[in-house]
Protein backbone atom coordinates (compact mmCIF):
# COMPACT_ATOMS: atom_id res chain seq x y z
CA MET A 1 159.43 105.14 114.00
CA LEU A 2 156.42 102.34 114.80
CA LYS A 3 154.55 105.11 117.00
CA GLU A 4 154.11 107.43 113.83
CA HIS A 5 153.49 104.51 111.50
CA VAL A 6 150.11 103.90 113.80
CA ALA A 7 149.37 107.42 114.76
CA ASP A 8 149.23 107.43 110.99
CA GLU A 9 146.95 104.50 110.04
CA ARG A 10 144.93 106.15 113.05
CA ALA A 11 144.12 109.54 110.89
CA ASP A 12 144.01 107.41 107.28
CA GLN A 13 141.01 105.54 109.09
CA VAL A 14 139.41 109.23 110.77
CA GLY A 15 139.89 110.83 107.62
CA GLN A 16 137.98 107.69 105.93
CA GLY A 17 135.29 107.53 108.59
CA SER A 18 134.93 111.16 107.75
CA LEU A 19 134.50 110.84 104.23
CA ASP A 20 132.07 108.17 104.58
CA HIS A 21 129.74 110.02 106.23
CA VAL A 22 129.84 113.12 104.15
CA LEU A 23 128.73 110.68 101.48
CA THR A 24 126.38 108.94 103.15
CA VAL A 25 124.51 112.84 104.14
CA LYS A 26 124.73 114.02 100.76
CA ARG A 27 123.06 110.82 99.29
CA ILE A 28 120.60 111.04 101.86
CA ARG A 29 119.73 114.69 100.98
CA GLU A 30 119.89 113.42 97.22
CA VAL A 31 117.39 110.86 97.76
CA VAL A 32 115.45 113.36 99.78
CA GLU A 33 115.54 116.56 97.16
CA SER A 34 114.78 114.30 94.02
CA GLY A 35 111.52 112.66 95.72
CA VAL A 36 108.94 114.85 97.46
CA GLY A 37 111.57 117.49 99.20
CA PHE A 38 112.28 118.35 103.13
CA GLU A 39 109.25 119.80 104.18
CA SER A 40 106.99 116.86 102.76
CA GLN A 41 108.93 114.35 104.65
CA LEU A 42 108.97 115.92 107.78
CA ALA A 43 105.02 116.32 107.50
CA GLU A 44 104.85 112.70 106.58
CA ILE A 45 107.02 112.10 109.74
CA GLU A 46 104.59 114.47 111.88
CA ALA A 47 101.95 112.89 110.79
CA LEU A 48 102.78 109.24 111.72
CA ALA A 49 104.53 109.99 114.86
CA ALA A 50 100.70 111.71 116.24
CA TYR A 51 99.35 108.41 114.64
CA ARG A 52 101.73 106.40 117.06
CA GLY A 53 99.48 107.70 119.77
CA GLY A 54 95.97 106.57 118.59
CA ASN A 55 95.49 110.08 116.62
CA TRP A 56 94.96 109.16 113.10
CA THR A 57 93.68 112.37 111.82
CA PRO A 58 96.73 113.58 110.55
CA LEU A 59 96.74 111.17 108.02
CA VAL A 60 93.38 112.00 107.16
CA GLU A 61 95.13 115.45 104.41
CA ARG A 62 97.45 113.34 102.50
CA LEU A 63 95.06 111.72 101.17
CA PHE A 64 92.71 114.61 100.76
CA ARG A 65 95.21 116.70 99.21
CA PRO A 66 94.67 115.10 95.07
CA ASP A 67 90.85 115.76 95.23
CA ARG A 68 91.27 119.07 96.97
CA PRO A 69 90.45 121.42 93.88
CA THR A 70 87.56 119.07 93.14
CA MET A 71 86.12 118.98 96.49
CA PHE A 72 86.65 123.12 96.65
CA LYS A 73 85.37 123.46 93.21
CA LEU A 74 81.55 121.27 94.48
CA ALA A 75 82.00 123.82 97.44
CA ARG A 76 81.44 126.89 95.27
CA THR A 77 78.98 125.31 93.43
CA LEU A 78 76.23 123.88 95.46
CA THR A 79 74.34 125.48 98.04
CA PHE A 80 74.27 124.12 101.92
CA VAL A 81 71.96 124.90 104.21
CA PRO A 82 71.38 123.65 107.61
CA THR A 83 68.45 122.11 108.64
CA SER A 84 68.90 123.05 112.24
CA ARG A 85 69.81 125.61 114.35
CA ALA A 86 73.19 124.92 114.38
CA ARG A 87 75.75 126.19 111.84
CA SER A 88 79.34 125.95 112.84
CA VAL A 89 80.17 123.25 110.18
CA LEU A 90 78.99 125.67 107.35
CA ASP A 91 80.59 128.59 109.05
CA ALA A 92 84.02 126.78 109.59
CA LEU A 93 83.32 126.11 105.19
CA GLU A 94 83.12 129.36 104.44
CA HIS A 95 86.24 130.46 106.38
CA ALA A 96 88.11 127.72 104.21
CA ILE A 97 86.64 128.78 101.16
CA ALA A 98 87.97 132.44 101.82
CA SER A 99 91.41 130.96 102.74
CA ARG A 100 91.63 128.42 100.02
CA TYR A 101 94.35 130.55 98.07
CA LEU A 102 96.86 131.06 100.65
CA THR A 103 99.42 128.83 100.69
CA ARG A 104 100.97 129.53 104.41
CA GLU A 105 101.20 126.94 106.49
CA LEU A 106 98.82 128.72 109.45
CA ILE A 107 95.56 130.75 108.65
CA SER A 108 93.26 132.37 111.75
CA ALA A 109 90.89 131.42 113.45
CA THR A 110 89.23 134.59 113.25
CA GLY A 111 85.90 134.56 110.77
CA ALA A 112 85.58 137.19 108.21
CA ASP A 113 82.75 138.80 110.79
CA GLY A 114 85.63 139.23 113.52
CA SER A 115 84.34 136.44 115.96
CA VAL A 116 86.19 133.34 116.75
CA LEU A 117 85.18 130.02 114.67
CA ASP A 118 83.18 127.37 116.58
CA LEU A 119 84.66 123.89 116.56
CA SER A 120 82.47 121.70 119.34
CA PHE A 121 81.85 120.06 116.32
CA ALA A 122 85.26 118.36 115.34
CA SER A 123 86.30 115.85 118.43
CA ALA A 124 89.29 116.11 121.20
CA GLN A 125 91.54 114.68 118.12
CA TRP A 126 90.90 116.80 115.17
CA ARG A 127 91.43 119.86 117.73
CA THR A 128 94.38 118.45 118.48
CA THR A 129 95.48 118.24 115.01
CA VAL A 130 93.78 121.61 113.65
CA CYS A 131 95.06 124.20 116.24
CA ALA A 132 98.27 125.14 116.88
CA LYS A 133 100.60 124.72 119.22
CA ASP A 134 102.89 127.42 119.63
CA GLN A 135 100.49 129.50 118.41
CA PRO A 136 97.24 130.69 119.99
CA GLY A 137 94.27 131.44 117.88
CA MET A 138 95.67 130.08 114.79
CA LEU A 139 94.73 127.17 112.15
CA VAL A 140 97.08 124.72 110.42
CA ARG A 141 95.50 125.34 107.27
CA ARG A 142 95.79 122.03 105.44
CA HIS A 143 94.56 119.61 108.06
CA PHE A 144 91.82 122.36 108.56
CA GLU A 145 90.83 122.04 104.92
CA ALA A 146 90.65 118.23 105.72
CA MET A 147 88.27 118.57 108.97
CA VAL A 148 86.13 120.48 107.42
CA PHE A 149 85.30 118.15 103.97
CA THR A 150 85.51 115.36 106.39
CA TYR A 151 82.62 116.61 108.91
CA LEU A 152 80.35 118.41 106.04
CA VAL A 153 80.66 115.05 104.04
CA GLU A 154 78.87 113.55 107.89
CA GLU A 155 76.67 116.20 108.38
CA LEU A 156 75.03 115.36 104.24
CA ARG A 157 75.04 111.64 105.21
CA CYS A 158 72.92 112.47 108.53
CA GLY A 159 70.66 115.10 107.24
CA ASP A 160 72.19 118.08 109.42
CA VAL A 161 73.01 119.54 106.26
CA ALA A 162 71.07 119.78 102.87
CA VAL A 163 71.97 120.78 99.54
CA VAL A 164 69.38 123.48 97.89
CA GLY A 165 67.55 121.64 94.71
CA GLY A 166 69.31 118.44 95.39
CA GLU A 167 67.59 115.06 95.51
CA ASP A 168 69.84 112.78 97.56
CA PHE A 169 70.62 115.14 99.88
CA GLY A 170 68.34 117.34 99.68
CA ASP A 171 66.31 119.15 102.85
CA TRP A 172 63.62 116.70 104.33
CA THR A 173 62.30 119.51 106.48
CA SER A 174 61.13 121.31 103.34
CA MET A 175 58.56 118.14 102.92
CA LEU A 176 57.05 118.70 106.33
CA LEU A 177 53.17 119.55 106.47
CA PRO A 178 53.40 122.92 107.06
CA TRP A 179 52.51 123.83 110.78
CA GLU A 180 48.95 125.63 110.22
CA ARG A 181 47.84 121.76 108.52
CA VAL A 182 49.66 119.78 111.58
CA GLU A 183 48.20 121.95 114.34
CA PRO A 184 44.13 121.33 114.47
CA GLN A 185 45.24 117.26 114.02
CA ILE A 186 47.71 117.25 116.51
CA SER A 187 44.81 116.28 119.69
CA LEU A 188 43.07 113.67 117.07
CA SER A 189 46.38 112.08 116.14
CA CYS A 190 47.48 112.11 120.07
CA GLN A 191 44.24 110.47 121.17
CA GLN A 192 44.68 107.57 118.19
CA ALA A 193 48.36 107.14 119.59
CA GLY A 194 47.48 107.28 123.44
CA LEU A 195 49.62 110.02 124.12
CA PRO A 196 48.58 113.66 126.06
CA ALA A 197 48.29 116.62 123.62
CA THR A 198 50.21 119.36 124.88
CA ALA A 199 54.19 119.51 125.50
CA ASP A 200 53.93 119.13 129.32
CA GLY A 201 51.65 116.17 129.37
CA PHE A 202 54.11 114.22 126.91
CA VAL A 203 56.92 115.10 129.41
CA ASP A 204 54.92 114.20 132.42
CA ASN A 205 53.61 111.02 131.00
CA LEU A 206 57.25 109.63 129.08
CA ARG A 207 58.80 110.08 133.03
CA ASP A 208 56.02 108.26 134.51
CA GLN A 209 56.77 105.42 132.52
CA LEU A 210 60.62 105.76 132.80
CA THR A 211 60.10 105.58 136.32
CA MET A 212 58.07 102.50 136.52
CA ILE A 213 61.02 100.88 134.15
CA ALA A 214 63.20 102.18 136.67
CA GLN A 215 61.47 100.82 139.98
CA ALA A 216 61.13 97.17 137.80
CA VAL A 217 64.77 97.09 137.20
CA ASP A 218 65.28 97.72 140.88
CA ALA A 219 63.15 95.40 142.33
CA GLY A 220 64.10 93.09 140.17
CA TYR A 221 67.95 93.25 140.62
CA PRO A 222 68.37 90.89 143.91
CA ASP A 223 66.67 87.55 141.63
CA ASN A 224 68.89 88.64 138.00
CA THR A 225 71.90 85.99 138.58
CA ASP A 226 73.22 87.75 135.38
CA LEU A 227 73.52 91.23 136.11
CA ALA A 228 76.27 92.82 138.78
CA ILE A 229 76.99 95.77 139.80
CA ASP A 230 80.33 96.71 140.77
CA PRO A 231 80.32 98.30 144.25
CA THR A 232 83.27 100.40 143.85
CA THR A 233 82.54 102.19 140.27
CA GLY A 234 79.06 101.08 139.80
CA VAL A 235 79.44 99.82 136.71
CA PRO A 236 76.88 97.04 135.66
CA SER A 237 77.69 94.09 133.55
CA LEU A 238 76.43 91.25 132.15
CA LYS A 239 77.77 87.41 132.90
CA ARG A 240 78.32 84.97 130.80
CA ARG A 241 75.39 82.50 130.22
CA GLU A 242 76.47 79.27 130.30
CA GLY A 243 74.53 77.08 127.87
CA ALA A 244 72.30 73.98 128.61
CA GLU A 245 73.76 70.34 127.84
CA ARG A 246 72.00 69.67 124.37
CA THR A 247 69.64 66.69 123.86
CA ALA A 248 69.86 63.87 122.49
CA SER A 249 67.09 65.05 120.24
CA ALA A 250 68.79 68.49 119.16
CA ALA A 251 71.57 65.98 118.23
CA ALA A 252 69.72 63.40 115.88
CA LEU A 253 67.72 66.42 114.91
CA GLU A 254 71.47 68.10 113.72
CA ALA A 255 72.72 65.09 112.33
CA GLU A 256 69.81 64.52 110.26
CA LEU A 257 69.72 68.42 108.67
CA ASP A 258 73.80 67.21 107.67
CA ARG A 259 73.24 64.14 105.99
CA HIS A 260 70.05 65.96 104.20
CA LEU A 261 71.58 69.70 103.97
CA PRO A 262 75.61 68.01 102.98
CA ALA A 263 78.17 71.14 103.40
CA ARG A 264 79.21 72.64 99.67
CA GLY A 265 81.73 75.05 98.51
CA ILE A 266 80.97 77.92 96.72
CA LEU A 267 81.48 76.98 93.17
CA GLU A 268 79.69 73.44 93.80
CA ASN A 269 76.67 75.24 94.32
CA LEU A 270 76.80 77.74 90.96
CA ALA A 271 77.31 74.53 89.15
CA ARG A 272 74.77 72.61 90.27
CA ALA A 273 72.02 75.82 90.03
CA ALA A 274 73.40 76.66 86.52
CA HIS A 275 72.30 72.68 85.60
CA TRP A 276 68.92 72.87 87.15
CA THR A 277 67.87 76.94 86.02
CA GLY A 278 69.78 76.40 82.93
CA TRP A 279 70.87 80.06 83.18
CA TRP A 280 74.31 79.35 81.44
CA HIS A 281 72.35 78.82 77.99
CA ARG A 282 71.74 82.77 78.05
CA LEU A 283 75.77 83.78 77.86
CA GLY A 284 77.50 83.63 74.17
CA PRO A 285 79.69 85.00 70.97
CA LEU A 286 78.07 88.45 70.21
CA SER A 287 77.21 87.43 67.39
CA GLY A 288 74.79 84.58 68.69
CA SER A 289 76.32 81.73 67.42
CA ASP A 290 77.29 78.45 69.81
CA PRO A 291 80.20 78.70 71.49
CA LYS A 292 83.07 77.16 70.82
CA LEU A 293 84.49 76.25 74.36
CA LYS A 294 85.20 72.81 76.03
CA ASP A 295 82.70 72.23 78.16
CA PRO A 296 80.64 75.43 78.88
CA LEU A 297 78.66 75.15 81.68
CA ALA A 298 81.76 74.96 84.09
CA ARG A 299 83.85 77.90 81.83
CA TYR A 300 80.54 80.06 82.47
CA VAL A 301 80.38 79.19 86.15
CA ILE A 302 84.18 79.72 86.44
CA THR A 303 83.97 82.90 84.72
CA ALA A 304 80.17 83.94 86.64
CA LEU A 305 82.19 83.48 90.28
CA THR A 306 85.27 85.46 88.59
CA ASN A 307 83.35 88.42 88.37
CA GLY A 308 80.68 88.43 90.56
CA SER A 309 83.15 87.61 93.58
CA GLY A 310 85.35 90.92 92.46
CA LEU A 311 88.04 88.62 92.20
CA GLY A 312 89.28 89.31 88.98
CA ALA A 313 90.89 87.23 86.07
CA THR A 314 94.22 87.04 87.47
CA GLN A 315 93.45 86.00 91.08
CA ALA A 316 91.26 83.67 90.10
CA ALA A 317 93.27 82.14 87.55
CA ARG A 318 96.11 81.36 91.23
CA HIS A 319 94.13 79.96 92.91
CA MET A 320 92.41 77.46 90.03
CA SER A 321 94.26 75.64 87.84
CA ALA A 322 91.39 75.00 84.51
CA LEU A 323 91.35 78.43 83.26
CA SER A 324 94.20 80.62 82.80
CA ALA A 325 93.69 84.47 83.00
CA HIS A 326 93.69 85.38 79.72
CA GLU A 327 90.66 82.52 79.21
CA LEU A 328 88.84 84.19 81.97
CA ALA A 329 88.95 87.53 80.59
CA ALA A 330 88.30 86.19 77.21
CA ILE A 331 84.66 84.81 78.35
CA ALA A 332 83.67 87.55 80.46
CA LYS A 333 84.07 90.36 77.72
CA ARG A 334 83.43 88.34 74.56
CA HIS A 335 80.35 85.90 75.80
CA CYS A 336 79.10 88.12 78.62
CA THR A 337 76.73 91.33 78.28
CA ALA A 338 74.58 93.34 80.01
CA LYS A 339 71.67 91.79 78.51
CA ASN A 340 72.07 88.38 78.61
CA LEU A 341 73.73 88.53 82.26
CA ALA A 342 70.51 90.20 82.96
CA ARG A 343 68.33 87.67 81.23
CA ALA A 344 70.96 84.50 83.01
CA GLY A 345 69.74 86.13 86.13
CA ALA A 346 66.20 86.29 85.60
CA ASP A 347 65.91 82.66 85.29
CA VAL A 348 67.42 82.24 88.64
CA VAL A 349 64.81 84.28 90.14
CA ASP A 350 62.05 82.83 88.69
CA ALA A 351 63.35 79.25 88.96
CA HIS A 352 63.42 80.78 93.08
CA LEU A 353 59.89 82.07 92.47
CA ASP A 354 58.55 78.69 91.98
CA LEU A 355 59.75 76.94 94.67
CA ASP A 356 57.46 75.71 97.33
CA LEU A 357 58.54 77.70 99.99
CA VAL A 358 58.90 80.52 98.02
CA ARG A 359 55.48 80.86 95.81
CA THR A 360 54.03 80.01 100.00
CA ARG A 361 55.25 83.36 101.11
CA VAL A 362 55.20 85.17 98.25
CA GLY A 363 51.31 84.20 97.16
CA SER A 364 49.30 85.97 94.69
CA GLY A 365 53.15 88.15 94.12
CA GLY A 366 54.27 88.34 90.62
CA ARG A 367 57.28 87.43 88.91
CA ARG A 368 59.48 89.07 86.35
CA ASP A 369 60.07 87.67 82.33
CA HIS A 370 63.25 87.76 80.57
CA ASP A 371 63.59 90.72 80.20
CA GLY A 372 62.62 92.46 83.77
CA CYS A 373 59.20 93.22 83.13
CA ARG A 374 56.94 92.27 85.74
CA ARG A 375 54.66 89.69 85.11
CA ARG A 376 51.66 87.30 87.15
CA GLN A 377 52.46 84.50 88.13
CA PRO A 378 49.68 81.51 86.16
CA PRO A 379 46.90 80.15 87.98
CA ARG A 380 47.13 76.62 89.53
C-alpha cells in the first residue's frame, strides 16, 4: 500500500510539472504573438547575436525601417549624379529602387543589365550582413536597403555624389573653370607656385622631396630618443616624454592668476554678465509691462541656462530648488521671444566688443546694433 501511495504522488507531481510547462509555453506564445511576432523577434535575436561579434550593421535596418517610404520617395524624386568615375553606390541604389516593392527576404545580386552588383564600396561587416550565407548570389533585402542609403548619405556628405539642381549637395565640378580657360594659365600658375609645369616634372619633383625627407628622418633616427621602432614588427612608436620640473616663477604665475581669476560656476558667470551688460532687461511679458516676478534677474538667468544648455525645465528643476518646472516653462513661454532674445544677445556682443583686448584685435571692424544690423564703431 505504501509503494502504491508513493507512486501516485510521483505521478501527480510529474503531471503537475507537465501542466506548468505547457501553461508557460502557452503564455510565452501569447506574449510573442501579441507583440511583434516570431519573425521580428527572431530577426532581433539574430541582429543582437551578430552584434556580440562587434558587427553593428544588423542593427541599422531597425532604425531605417520607419523612414523607408520617405527615403525611397526622395530617391525617386531627386536626380543623383557621380562626381567621379565610380558609380557603384548609384548602381546599388537603382537596384534597391527596382526591388522596393518585393516582400521576399532575399533578392538577387544581379542588376537589370545582367551584371553582378559591385559591393566593393561597402565594408567587410556590411557585406557579411547583406550577403546571404546559405545562398550565394543573393542579398538580404532589408539589410541591403539600409546599407545603400547609409553609403548614399556618406557619398553626398563627401561630395562623391551630387544632386542635380541642389544647392548644398550640388555638383561641385560644375563650378570649376573649363579646361580651355585653364590650360593657357598653367605655366604662369606653376611658375608663381614654384612647381614644374608638366605632369612628369611634377611627379619627379614630389618624389625628390619625399626622398629628401625620408633620408633626413633616417639620418636623425639614432639621435631621436623619443622614437622607437620594433625590430621584429617594424612598427614605430613614440615614447612618453616626461615634463620638466616646474620653475618657481611658473608656480608663482599660476598662483597669481588663480588669485585674479578665481574659478566660478556657469550660473555665476551668467549672473555677472547679466548684471554688467543688462541683457535681462530685454526680457519681459509680451504686453510690454514690467515683469511681475520676484528677483527677475535671477529668474531670467536660470531660464537662460535651462534653455540655452538644452537641459529643459523638468531636468533643471530637479537640480535647482529655486524654481519649479512650471515656473521655468512659464517664464520661457511668456517672457522670451525671438526678438527680445536677439536684442539680449546683441547687448552681450556689443559689451564684449567694448573690451580693450577685443577692440585691439578687431581694430576698425564694425559692431551690430540691437536689431542685428551692422554699424561702425564710434571714433576714439
